[in-house]
Amino acid sequence: MTAIADLHLGLPSDIEAEIGDIESGADDLDQLRQTMLGDAETTDTQFRTASGSSPTSSPGTSSQLPPPN
């Protein structure tokens, strides 16, 4: 019979993380997300304007999205 002490998942040992690096990376990802949402909103507005639709008449417009940086 296998003893509990012999069971393992094969996971690597704990790593040392630099909190500042994690926070900086998270800030960079948030800025990228906001930029992408702003770009998507601009493109959506351009398509709606070109098609003759009101750019503010549907979900996902500027009243619901955060402003791009």
PDB file of N, CA and C in Angstrom:
ATOM      1  N   MET A   1       0.842  -1.184   0.000  1.00  0.00           N
ATOM      2  CA  MET A   1       0.000   0.000   0.000  1.00  0.00           C
ATOM      3  C   MET A   1       0.887   1.247   0.000  1.00  0.00           C
ATOM      4  N   THR A   2       0.488   2.276  -0.712  1.00  0.00           N
ATOM      5  CA  THR A   2       1.252   3.522  -0.801  1.00  0.00           C
ATOM      6  C   THR A   2       0.958   4.396   0.412  1.00  0.00           C
ATOM      7  N   ALA A   3       2.013   4.897   1.010  1.00  0.00           N
ATOM      8  CA  ALA A   3       1.852   5.788   2.160  1.00  0.00           C
ATOM      9  C   ALA A   3       1.516   7.192   1.668  1.00  0.00           C
ATOM     10  N   ILE A   4       0.780   7.935   2.466  1.00  0.00           N
ATOM     11  CA  ILE A   4       0.407   9.304   2.104  1.00  0.00           C
ATOM     12  C   ILE A   4       1.649  10.152   1.871  1.00  0.00           C
ATOM     13  N   ALA A   5       2.707   9.923   2.606  1.00  0.00           N
ATOM     14  CA  ALA A   5       3.943  10.693   2.446  1.00  0.00           C
ATOM     15  C   ALA A   5       4.557  10.486   1.070  1.00  0.00           C
ATOM     16  N   ASP A   6       4.244   9.364   0.407  1.00  0.00           N
ATOM     17  CA  ASP A   6       4.806   9.080  -0.916  1.00  0.00           C
ATOM     18  C   ASP A   6       4.003   9.720  -2.052  1.00  0.00           C
ATOM     19  N   LEU A   7       2.822  10.239  -1.758  1.00  0.00           N
ATOM     20  CA  LEU A   7       1.982  10.852  -2.785  1.00  0.00           C
ATOM     21  C   LEU A   7       2.412  12.299  -3.027  1.00  0.00           C
ATOM     22  N   HIS A   8       2.482  12.699  -4.274  1.00  0.00           N
ATOM     23  CA  HIS A   8       2.796  14.088  -4.625  1.00  0.00           C
ATOM     24  C   HIS A   8       2.231  14.384  -6.008  1.00  0.00           C
ATOM     25  N   LEU A   9       2.069  15.656  -6.289  1.00  0.00           N
ATOM     26  CA  LEU A   9       1.492  16.079  -7.562  1.00  0.00           C
ATOM     27  C   LEU A   9       2.539  16.404  -8.613  1.00  0.00           C
ATOM     28  N   GLY A  10       3.784  16.432  -8.231  1.00  0.00           N
ATOM     29  CA  GLY A  10       4.835  16.777  -9.180  1.00  0.00           C
ATOM     30  C   GLY A  10       4.897  18.261  -9.493  1.00  0.00           C
ATOM     31  N   LEU A  11       4.364  19.082  -8.602  1.00  0.00           N
ATOM     32  CA  LEU A  11       4.381  20.530  -8.815  1.00  0.00           C
ATOM     33  C   LEU A  11       5.743  21.100  -8.449  1.00  0.00           C
ATOM     34  N   PRO A  12       6.141  22.193  -9.091  1.00  0.00           N
ATOM     35  CA  PRO A  12       7.419  22.825  -8.714  1.00  0.00           C
ATOM     36  C   PRO A  12       7.314  23.446  -7.329  1.00  0.00           C
ATOM     37  N   SER A  13       8.449  23.711  -6.748  1.00  0.00           N
ATOM     38  CA  SER A  13       8.456  24.352  -5.434  1.00  0.00           C
ATOM     39  C   SER A  13       7.947  25.787  -5.560  1.00  0.00           C
ATOM     40  N   ASP A  14       7.622  26.388  -4.431  1.00  0.00           N
ATOM     41  CA  ASP A  14       7.141  27.773  -4.428  1.00  0.00           C
ATOM     42  C   ASP A  14       8.169  28.694  -5.068  1.00  0.00           C
ATOM     43  N   ILE A  15       7.684  29.764  -5.680  1.00  0.00           N
ATOM     44  CA  ILE A  15       8.582  30.746  -6.287  1.00  0.00           C
ATOM     45  C   ILE A  15       8.535  32.037  -5.481  1.00  0.00           C
ATOM     46  N   GLU A  16       9.577  32.795  -5.597  1.00  0.00           N
ATOM     47  CA  GLU A  16       9.620  34.111  -4.970  1.00  0.00           C
ATOM     48  C   GLU A  16       9.106  35.116  -5.997  1.00  0.00           C
ATOM     49  N   ALA A  17       8.104  35.873  -5.631  1.00  0.00           N
ATOM     50  CA  ALA A  17       7.507  36.842  -6.548  1.00  0.00           C
ATOM     51  C   ALA A  17       7.819  38.254  -6.082  1.00  0.00           C
ATOM     52  N   GLU A  18       8.124  39.106  -7.022  1.00  0.00           N
ATOM     53  CA  GLU A  18       8.338  40.519  -6.735  1.00  0.00           C
ATOM     54  C   GLU A  18       6.991  41.229  -6.875  1.00  0.00           C
ATOM     55  N   ILE A  19       6.467  41.696  -5.758  1.00  0.00           N
ATOM     56  CA  ILE A  19       5.144  42.331  -5.750  1.00  0.00           C
ATOM     57  C   ILE A  19       5.097  43.529  -6.697  1.00  0.00           C
ATOM     58  N   GLY A  20       6.148  44.329  -6.723  1.00  0.00           N
ATOM     59  CA  GLY A  20       6.187  45.495  -7.611  1.00  0.00           C
ATOM     60  C   GLY A  20       6.079  45.105  -9.074  1.00  0.00           C
ATOM     61  N   ASP A  21       6.753  44.007  -9.459  1.00  0.00           N
ATOM     62  CA  ASP A  21       6.678  43.540 -10.844  1.00  0.00           C
ATOM     63  C   ASP A  21       5.265  43.084 -11.194  1.00  0.00           C
ATOM     64  N   ILE A  22       4.622  42.402 -10.247  1.00  0.00           N
ATOM     65  CA  ILE A  22       3.254  41.934 -10.485  1.00  0.00           C
ATOM     66  C   ILE A  22       2.309  43.123 -10.632  1.00  0.00           C
ATOM     67  N   GLU A  23       2.430  44.098  -9.745  1.00  0.00           N
ATOM     68  CA  GLU A  23       1.555  45.276  -9.815  1.00  0.00           C
ATOM     69  C   GLU A  23       1.798  46.067 -11.086  1.00  0.00           C
ATOM     70  N   SER A  24       3.061  46.218 -11.481  1.00  0.00           N
ATOM     71  CA  SER A  24       3.389  46.942 -12.707  1.00  0.00           C
ATOM     72  C   SER A  24       2.814  46.220 -13.926  1.00  0.00           C
ATOM     73  N   GLY A  25       2.953  44.899 -13.948  1.00  0.00           N
ATOM     74  CA  GLY A  25       2.401  44.117 -15.051  1.00  0.00           C
ATOM     75  C   GLY A  25       0.890  44.225 -15.113  1.00  0.00           C
ATOM     76  N   ALA A  26       0.244  44.229 -13.946  1.00  0.00           N
ATOM     77  CA  ALA A  26      -1.214  44.360 -13.906  1.00  0.00           C
ATOM     78  C   ALA A  26      -1.639  45.734 -14.416  1.00  0.00           C
ATOM     79  N   ASP A  27      -0.885  46.770 -14.054  1.00  0.00           N
ATOM     80  CA  ASP A  27      -1.195  48.118 -14.547  1.00  0.00           C
ATOM     81  C   ASP A  27      -1.046  48.185 -16.061  1.00  0.00           C
ATOM     82  N   ASP A  28       0.011  47.554 -16.588  1.00  0.00           N
ATOM     83  CA  ASP A  28       0.221  47.539 -18.037  1.00  0.00           C
ATOM     84  C   ASP A  28      -0.921  46.818 -18.749  1.00  0.00           C
ATOM     85  N   LEU A  29      -1.365  45.690 -18.190  1.00  0.00           N
ATOM     86  CA  LEU A  29      -2.479  44.956 -18.798  1.00  0.00           C
ATOM     87  C   LEU A  29      -3.772  45.761 -18.756  1.00  0.00           C
ATOM     88  N   ASP A  30      -3.998  46.473 -17.656  1.00  0.00           N
ATOM     89  CA  ASP A  30      -5.202  47.300 -17.545  1.00  0.00           C
ATOM     90  C   ASP A  30      -5.179  48.422 -18.576  1.00  0.00           C
ATOM     91  N   GLN A  31      -4.019  49.034 -18.762  1.00  0.00           N
ATOM     92  CA  GLN A  31      -3.897  50.106 -19.756  1.00  0.00           C
ATOM     93  C   GLN A  31      -4.128  49.549 -21.163  1.00  0.00           C
ATOM     94  N   LEU A  32      -3.582  48.373 -21.450  1.00  0.00           N
ATOM     95  CA  LEU A  32      -3.792  47.744 -22.753  1.00  0.00           C
ATOM     96  C   LEU A  32      -5.273  47.443 -22.973  1.00  0.00           C
ATOM     97  N   ARG A  33      -5.947  46.923 -21.938  1.00  0.00           N
ATOM     98  CA  ARG A  33      -7.378  46.620 -22.035  1.00  0.00           C
ATOM     99  C   ARG A  33      -8.175  47.887 -22.334  1.00  0.00           C
ATOM    100  N   GLN A  34      -7.861  48.961 -21.617  1.00  0.00           N
ATOM    101  CA  GLN A  34      -8.592  50.210 -21.838  1.00  0.00           C
ATOM    102  C   GLN A  34      -8.334  50.757 -23.236  1.00  0.00           C
ATOM    103  N   THR A  35      -7.112  50.638 -23.712  1.00  0.00           N
ATOM    104  CA  THR A  35      -6.784  51.093 -25.068  1.00  0.00           C
ATOM    105  C   THR A  35      -7.549  50.276 -26.098  1.00  0.00           C
ATOM    106  N   MET A  36      -7.577  48.958 -25.904  1.00  0.00           N
ATOM    107  CA  MET A  36      -8.282  48.096 -26.852  1.00  0.00           C
ATOM    108  C   MET A  36      -9.778  48.382 -26.849  1.00  0.00           C
ATOM    109  N   LEU A  37     -10.365  48.603 -25.679  1.00  0.00           N
ATOM    110  CA  LEU A  37     -11.791  48.932 -25.623  1.00  0.00           C
ATOM    111  C   LEU A  37     -12.063  50.255 -26.322  1.00  0.00           C
ATOM    112  N   GLY A  38     -11.195  51.214 -26.138  1.00  0.00           N
ATOM    113  CA  GLY A  38     -11.362  52.505 -26.803  1.00  0.00           C
ATOM    114  C   GLY A  38     -11.251  52.373 -28.305  1.00  0.00           C
ATOM    115  N   ASP A  39     -10.284  51.568 -28.771  1.00  0.00           N
ATOM    116  CA  ASP A  39     -10.125  51.350 -30.205  1.00  0.00           C
ATOM    117  C   ASP A  39     -11.332  50.626 -30.782  1.00  0.00           C
ATOM    118  N   ALA A  40     -11.858  49.647 -30.053  1.00  0.00           N
ATOM    119  CA  ALA A  40     -13.034  48.915 -30.524  1.00  0.00           C
ATOM    120  C   ALA A  40     -14.241  49.844 -30.599  1.00  0.00           C
ATOM    121  N   GLU A  41     -14.363  50.715 -29.614  1.00  0.00           N
ATOM    122  CA  GLU A  41     -15.482  51.668 -29.614  1.00  0.00           C
ATOM    123  C   GLU A  41     -15.378  52.613 -30.804  1.00  0.00           C
ATOM    124  N   THR A  42     -14.188  53.110 -31.080  1.00  0.00           N
ATOM    125  CA  THR A  42     -13.979  54.018 -32.208  1.00  0.00           C
ATOM    126  C   THR A  42     -14.331  53.330 -33.521  1.00  0.00           C
ATOM    127  N   THR A  43     -13.872  52.096 -33.688  1.00  0.00           N
ATOM    128  CA  THR A  43     -14.163  51.345 -34.906  1.00  0.00           C
ATOM    129  C   THR A  43     -15.658  51.089 -35.039  1.00  0.00           C
ATOM    130  N   ASP A  44     -16.298  50.706 -33.941  1.00  0.00           N
ATOM    131  CA  ASP A  44     -17.743  50.466 -33.956  1.00  0.00           C
ATOM    132  C   ASP A  44     -18.494  51.732 -34.354  1.00  0.00           C
ATOM    133  N   THR A  45     -18.101  52.855 -33.789  1.00  0.00           N
ATOM    134  CA  THR A  45     -18.745  54.134 -34.107  1.00  0.00           C
ATOM    135  C   THR A  45     -18.565  54.472 -35.586  1.00  0.00           C
ATOM    136  N   GLN A  46     -17.377  54.230 -36.119  1.00  0.00           N
ATOM    137  CA  GLN A  46     -17.126  54.513 -37.533  1.00  0.00           C
ATOM    138  C   GLN A  46     -18.006  53.645 -38.430  1.00  0.00           C
ATOM    139  N   PHE A  47     -18.127  52.348 -38.084  1.00  0.00           N
ATOM    140  CA  PHE A  47     -18.988  51.469 -38.875  1.00  0.00           C
ATOM    141  C   PHE A  47     -20.442  51.912 -38.807  1.00  0.00           C
ATOM    142  N   ARG A  48     -20.908  52.260 -37.613  1.00  0.00           N
ATOM    143  CA  ARG A  48     -22.306  52.668 -37.455  1.00  0.00           C
ATOM    144  C   ARG A  48     -22.574  53.988 -38.187  1.00  0.00           C
ATOM    145  N   THR A  49     -21.641  54.908 -38.132  1.00  0.00           N
ATOM    146  CA  THR A  49     -21.795  56.180 -38.831  1.00  0.00           C
ATOM    147  C   THR A  49     -21.833  55.950 -40.340  1.00  0.00           C
ATOM    148  N   ALA A  50     -20.945  55.093 -40.835  1.00  0.00           N
ATOM    149  CA  ALA A  50     -20.897  54.809 -42.266  1.00  0.00           C
ATOM    150  C   ALA A  50     -22.173  54.119 -42.746  1.00  0.00           C
ATOM    151  N   SER A  51     -22.803  53.333 -41.861  1.00  0.00           N
ATOM    152  CA  SER A  51     -24.016  52.617 -42.264  1.00  0.00           C
ATOM    153  C   SER A  51     -25.275  53.459 -42.077  1.00  0.00           C
ATOM    154  N   GLY A  52     -25.117  54.641 -41.473  1.00  0.00           N
ATOM    155  CA  GLY A  52     -26.267  55.499 -41.256  1.00  0.00           C
ATOM    156  C   GLY A  52     -26.953  55.273 -39.927  1.00  0.00           C
ATOM    157  N   SER A  53     -26.417  54.364 -39.107  1.00  0.00           N
ATOM    158  CA  SER A  53     -26.991  54.111 -37.779  1.00  0.00           C
ATOM    159  C   SER A  53     -26.476  55.138 -36.795  1.00  0.00           C
ATOM    160  N   SER A  54     -27.240  55.331 -35.744  1.00  0.00           N
ATOM    161  CA  SER A  54     -26.794  56.224 -34.683  1.00  0.00           C
ATOM    162  C   SER A  54     -25.716  55.522 -33.870  1.00  0.00           C
ATOM    163  N   PRO A  55     -24.550  56.120 -33.709  1.00  0.00           N
ATOM    164  CA  PRO A  55     -23.472  55.455 -32.974  1.00  0.00           C
ATOM    165  C   PRO A  55     -23.752  55.301 -31.491  1.00  0.00           C
ATOM    166  N   THR A  56     -24.765  55.986 -30.954  1.00  0.00           N
ATOM    167  CA  THR A  56     -25.051  55.880 -29.523  1.00  0.00           C
ATOM    168  C   THR A  56     -26.327  55.098 -29.245  1.00  0.00           C
ATOM    169  N   SER A  57     -26.874  54.418 -30.250  1.00  0.00           N
ATOM    170  CA  SER A  57     -28.169  53.768 -30.057  1.00  0.00           C
ATOM    171  C   SER A  57     -28.081  52.307 -29.643  1.00  0.00           C
ATOM    172  N   SER A  58     -26.879  51.772 -29.439  1.00  0.00           N
ATOM    173  CA  SER A  58     -26.773  50.358 -29.104  1.00  0.00           C
ATOM    174  C   SER A  58     -25.828  50.142 -27.937  1.00  0.00           C
ATOM    175  N   PRO A  59     -25.894  48.952 -27.318  1.00  0.00           N
ATOM    176  CA  PRO A  59     -24.983  48.652 -26.207  1.00  0.00           C
ATOM    177  C   PRO A  59     -23.530  48.715 -26.652  1.00  0.00           C
ATOM    178  N   GLY A  60     -22.653  49.014 -25.699  1.00  0.00           N
ATOM    179  CA  GLY A  60     -21.231  49.050 -25.996  1.00  0.00           C
ATOM    180  C   GLY A  60     -20.739  50.390 -26.469  1.00  0.00           C
ATOM    181  N   THR A  61     -21.520  51.427 -26.290  1.00  0.00           N
ATOM    182  CA  THR A  61     -21.089  52.742 -26.728  1.00  0.00           C
ATOM    183  C   THR A  61     -20.413  53.478 -25.593  1.00  0.00           C
ATOM    184  N   SER A  62     -20.007  54.692 -25.850  1.00  0.00           N
ATOM    185  CA  SER A  62     -19.177  55.438 -24.911  1.00  0.00           C
ATOM    186  C   SER A  62     -19.808  55.619 -23.539  1.00  0.00           C
ATOM    187  N   SER A  63     -21.120  55.579 -23.444  1.00  0.00           N
ATOM    188  CA  SER A  63     -21.743  55.745 -22.136  1.00  0.00           C
ATOM    189  C   SER A  63     -21.515  54.533 -21.247  1.00  0.00           C
ATOM    190  N   GLN A  64     -21.096  53.406 -21.827  1.00  0.00           N
ATOM    191  CA  GLN A  64     -20.908  52.193 -21.051  1.00  0.00           C
ATOM    192  C   GLN A  64     -19.456  51.761 -20.950  1.00  0.00           C
ATOM    193  N   LEU A  65     -18.578  52.284 -21.759  1.00  0.00           N
ATOM    194  CA  LEU A  65     -17.180  51.877 -21.756  1.00  0.00           C
ATOM    195  C   LEU A  65     -16.318  52.936 -21.098  1.00  0.00           C
ATOM    196  N   PRO A  66     -15.231  52.513 -20.437  1.00  0.00           N
ATOM    197  CA  PRO A  66     -14.327  53.502 -19.850  1.00  0.00           C
ATOM    198  C   PRO A  66     -13.593  54.257 -20.948  1.00  0.00           C
ATOM    199  N   PRO A  67     -13.205  55.487 -20.689  1.00  0.00           N
ATOM    200  CA  PRO A  67     -12.494  56.253 -21.715  1.00  0.00           C
ATOM    201  C   PRO A  67     -11.100  55.679 -21.936  1.00  0.00           C
ATOM    202  N   PRO A  68     -10.601  55.708 -23.172  1.00  0.00           N
ATOM    203  CA  PRO A  68      -9.233  55.235 -23.423  1.00  0.00           C
ATOM    204  C   PRO A  68      -8.225  56.212 -22.828  1.00  0.00           C
ATOM    205  N   ASN A  69      -7.056  55.703 -22.534  1.00  0.00           N
ATOM    206  CA  ASN A  69      -5.995  56.570 -21.974  1.00  0.00           C
ATOM    207  C   ASN A  69      -5.346  57.394 -23.043  1.00  0.00           C
TER     208      ASN A  69
END
